[in-house]
Amino acid sequence: MHEPEPHTVRLAQAGDLAAFEVLVRTCQADAWRYAYHLTRDRTTAEDVTQEAFVRAFRSLKTFRGQSKFASWLMRIVHNCAVDAQLRIRRDRVLAERAASGIREERAVAPATEDRVRLQEAVDRLPTKLREPFVLIEVLGYDYREAAAVLGVPVGTLKSRMHRARASLMGFLGTEEAADEV
């Protein structure tokens, strides 16, 4: 995860729009990747990322520097993704009630077979296990930072990471055993 310069954060807090633009450019790719892993949809991830930066801009003055800026921002991304998922579920229920039955296909980027298998395995993880896995293994956060983003104790995070890794090994190992039969 790219951490912006503290001086840039202070300038943005003081109302410098160019400094905020630097913050966006510095953190946008990682924010989108996290949003994508949470939502599993490119368009939703774009919407979540945009909403997160709008919220960050509006509440930038509340950032006290007690954690890294990137951790603070990822917490906002997390909250926006949760809001988006709730909105999507609500809309889906309403659409089903209206008997539209139209379902949107998820776009899959070209990747190697192993990468696709791993992504599918990560997608199968429950949200409580997928979130810490993405923060730590994909975005490179340490346990303390990831715990701050998710709002859980470090011990809880370590337990979830252990369960996530065990689940992934089970998913991938089961598929390999099935391929051999």
Protein backbone atom coordinates (compact mmCIF):
# COMPACT_ATOMS: atom_id res chain seq x y z
CA MET A 1 0.00 0.00 0.00
CA HIS A 2 1.28 3.41 -0.91
CA GLU A 3 1.37 5.84 1.98
CA PRO A 4 1.24 9.52 1.00
CA GLU A 5 3.64 12.02 2.50
CA PRO A 6 2.40 13.47 5.82
CA HIS A 7 3.07 16.97 4.47
CA THR A 8 0.69 16.29 1.55
CA VAL A 9 -1.98 15.08 3.98
CA ARG A 10 -1.61 18.24 6.07
CA LEU A 11 -1.88 20.45 2.98
CA ALA A 12 -5.03 18.62 1.87
CA GLN A 13 -6.49 19.02 5.35
CA ALA A 14 -5.85 22.75 5.06
CA GLY A 15 -7.96 22.84 1.89
CA ASP A 16 -5.28 22.49 -0.82
CA LEU A 17 -7.13 20.75 -3.69
CA ALA A 18 -3.89 19.96 -5.54
CA ALA A 19 -2.64 18.12 -2.45
CA PHE A 20 -5.88 16.15 -2.24
CA GLU A 21 -5.44 15.23 -5.90
CA VAL A 22 -1.99 13.86 -5.03
CA LEU A 23 -3.61 11.80 -2.24
CA VAL A 24 -6.12 10.40 -4.72
CA ARG A 25 -3.44 9.53 -7.26
CA THR A 26 -1.28 7.93 -4.57
CA CYS A 27 -4.02 5.75 -3.06
CA GLN A 28 -6.55 5.23 -5.86
CA ALA A 29 -5.22 1.95 -7.29
CA ASP A 30 -4.99 0.26 -3.90
CA ALA A 31 -8.39 1.60 -2.85
CA TRP A 32 -9.93 0.21 -6.03
CA ARG A 33 -8.22 -3.19 -5.60
CA TYR A 34 -9.55 -3.46 -2.05
CA ALA A 35 -13.03 -2.39 -3.15
CA TYR A 36 -12.93 -4.93 -5.97
CA HIS A 37 -11.96 -7.75 -3.62
CA LEU A 38 -14.81 -6.80 -1.32
CA THR A 39 -17.48 -6.31 -3.97
CA ARG A 40 -16.23 -8.71 -6.68
CA ASP A 41 -17.55 -6.36 -9.35
CA ARG A 42 -15.50 -3.86 -11.35
CA THR A 43 -18.24 -1.27 -11.76
CA THR A 44 -19.23 -1.45 -8.10
CA ALA A 45 -15.57 -1.18 -7.11
CA GLU A 46 -15.26 2.00 -9.18
CA ASP A 47 -18.37 3.44 -7.54
CA VAL A 48 -17.14 2.44 -4.07
CA THR A 49 -13.72 3.98 -4.69
CA GLN A 50 -15.25 7.23 -5.93
CA GLU A 51 -17.63 7.39 -2.96
CA ALA A 52 -14.76 6.66 -0.56
CA PHE A 53 -12.74 9.58 -1.88
CA VAL A 54 -15.76 11.88 -1.66
CA ARG A 55 -16.28 10.83 1.97
CA ALA A 56 -12.55 11.17 2.68
CA PHE A 57 -12.58 14.68 1.23
CA ARG A 58 -15.58 15.68 3.33
CA SER A 59 -14.10 14.29 6.55
CA LEU A 60 -10.39 14.94 5.93
CA LYS A 61 -10.27 17.42 8.79
CA THR A 62 -11.25 14.62 11.21
CA PHE A 63 -8.12 12.62 10.33
CA ARG A 64 -5.89 13.03 13.37
CA GLY A 65 -2.87 11.05 12.22
CA GLN A 66 -3.18 8.40 14.94
CA SER A 67 -3.00 5.77 12.19
CA LYS A 68 -1.58 5.88 8.70
CA PHE A 69 -3.61 7.88 6.21
CA ALA A 70 -3.90 4.81 3.97
CA SER A 71 -5.37 2.77 6.85
CA TRP A 72 -7.90 5.52 7.55
CA LEU A 73 -8.82 5.65 3.87
CA MET A 74 -9.16 1.84 3.62
CA ARG A 75 -11.60 1.93 6.53
CA ILE A 76 -13.68 4.39 4.53
CA VAL A 77 -13.44 2.12 1.45
CA HIS A 78 -14.54 -0.80 3.62
CA ASN A 79 -17.56 1.12 4.90
CA CYS A 80 -18.50 2.26 1.38
CA ALA A 81 -18.23 -1.34 0.12
CA VAL A 82 -20.52 -2.56 2.90
CA ASP A 83 -23.01 0.19 2.04
CA ALA A 84 -22.82 -0.74 -1.65
CA GLN A 85 -23.38 -4.43 -0.91
CA LEU A 86 -26.45 -3.60 1.16
CA ARG A 87 -27.75 -1.36 -1.61
CA ILE A 88 -27.13 -4.08 -4.21
CA ARG A 89 -28.92 -6.71 -2.11
CA ARG A 90 -31.86 -4.36 -1.60
CA ASP A 91 -32.04 -3.59 -5.31
CA ARG A 92 -31.78 -7.29 -6.14
CA VAL A 93 -34.69 -8.13 -3.85
CA LEU A 94 -36.75 -5.35 -5.38
CA ALA A 95 -35.87 -6.54 -8.87
CA GLU A 96 -36.80 -10.12 -8.01
CA ARG A 97 -40.10 -8.90 -6.61
CA ALA A 98 -40.71 -7.10 -9.87
CA ALA A 99 -39.93 -10.44 -11.60
CA SER A 100 -37.34 -8.90 -13.89
CA GLY A 101 -34.96 -11.86 -13.50
CA ILE A 102 -32.21 -10.05 -15.39
CA ARG A 103 -28.80 -10.91 -13.95
CA GLU A 104 -25.58 -9.12 -14.68
CA GLU A 105 -22.52 -11.20 -15.59
CA ARG A 106 -19.36 -10.42 -13.68
CA ALA A 107 -16.46 -9.35 -15.90
CA VAL A 108 -13.34 -11.46 -15.47
CA ALA A 109 -9.98 -10.04 -16.42
CA PRO A 110 -7.66 -12.31 -18.41
CA ALA A 111 -5.32 -14.15 -16.08
CA THR A 112 -3.41 -17.37 -15.78
CA GLU A 113 -5.27 -20.50 -14.78
CA ASP A 114 -3.64 -20.60 -11.34
CA ARG A 115 -4.44 -16.97 -10.70
CA VAL A 116 -8.06 -17.55 -11.69
CA ARG A 117 -8.28 -20.60 -9.38
CA LEU A 118 -6.80 -18.59 -6.51
CA GLN A 119 -9.16 -15.67 -7.14
CA GLU A 120 -12.14 -18.04 -7.20
CA ALA A 121 -10.95 -19.58 -3.93
CA VAL A 122 -10.57 -16.12 -2.34
CA ASP A 123 -14.06 -15.22 -3.60
CA ARG A 124 -15.43 -18.31 -1.82
CA LEU A 125 -14.13 -17.10 1.53
CA PRO A 126 -16.72 -15.58 3.87
CA THR A 127 -16.41 -11.80 4.08
CA LYS A 128 -14.94 -11.91 7.60
CA LEU A 129 -12.05 -14.04 6.28
CA ARG A 130 -11.71 -12.45 2.83
CA GLU A 131 -11.31 -8.88 4.12
CA PRO A 132 -8.20 -9.49 6.26
CA PHE A 133 -6.71 -11.80 3.62
CA VAL A 134 -6.98 -9.11 0.94
CA LEU A 135 -5.62 -6.38 3.21
CA ILE A 136 -2.61 -8.44 4.28
CA GLU A 137 -1.78 -10.69 1.34
CA VAL A 138 -2.91 -8.54 -1.58
CA LEU A 139 -2.46 -4.97 -0.38
CA GLY A 140 0.52 -5.62 1.92
CA TYR A 141 -0.79 -4.23 5.20
CA ASP A 142 0.75 -5.48 8.41
CA TYR A 143 -1.50 -7.05 11.05
CA ARG A 144 -1.75 -3.89 13.16
CA GLU A 145 -2.77 -1.74 10.20
CA ALA A 146 -5.27 -4.31 8.92
CA ALA A 147 -6.77 -4.63 12.40
CA ALA A 148 -7.23 -0.84 12.48
CA VAL A 149 -8.95 -0.85 9.07
CA LEU A 150 -11.33 -3.63 10.10
CA GLY A 151 -11.84 -2.35 13.64
CA VAL A 152 -10.89 -5.64 15.32
CA PRO A 153 -8.14 -6.64 17.77
CA VAL A 154 -4.89 -7.96 16.27
CA GLY A 155 -5.51 -11.38 17.86
CA THR A 156 -8.88 -11.65 16.13
CA LEU A 157 -7.27 -10.68 12.85
CA LYS A 158 -4.56 -13.34 13.24
CA SER A 159 -7.22 -15.95 13.94
CA ARG A 160 -9.17 -14.92 10.85
CA MET A 161 -6.02 -15.02 8.72
CA HIS A 162 -5.24 -18.53 9.98
CA ARG A 163 -8.79 -19.65 9.11
CA ALA A 164 -8.62 -17.90 5.72
CA ARG A 165 -5.37 -19.64 4.80
CA ALA A 166 -6.67 -23.00 6.00
CA SER A 167 -9.87 -22.53 3.98
CA LEU A 168 -7.93 -21.55 0.88
CA MET A 169 -5.68 -24.58 1.23
CA GLY A 170 -8.78 -26.72 1.61
CA PHE A 171 -10.46 -25.18 -1.45
CA LEU A 172 -7.37 -25.52 -3.60
CA GLY A 173 -6.36 -28.93 -2.25
CA THR A 174 -9.86 -30.36 -2.76
CA GLU A 175 -9.89 -29.14 -6.36
CA GLU A 176 -6.49 -30.71 -7.02
CA ALA A 177 -7.62 -34.03 -5.54
CA ALA A 178 -10.77 -33.91 -7.69
CA ASP A 179 -8.64 -33.25 -10.80
CA GLU A 180 -6.51 -36.32 -10.07
CA VAL A 181 -9.53 -38.70 -9.89
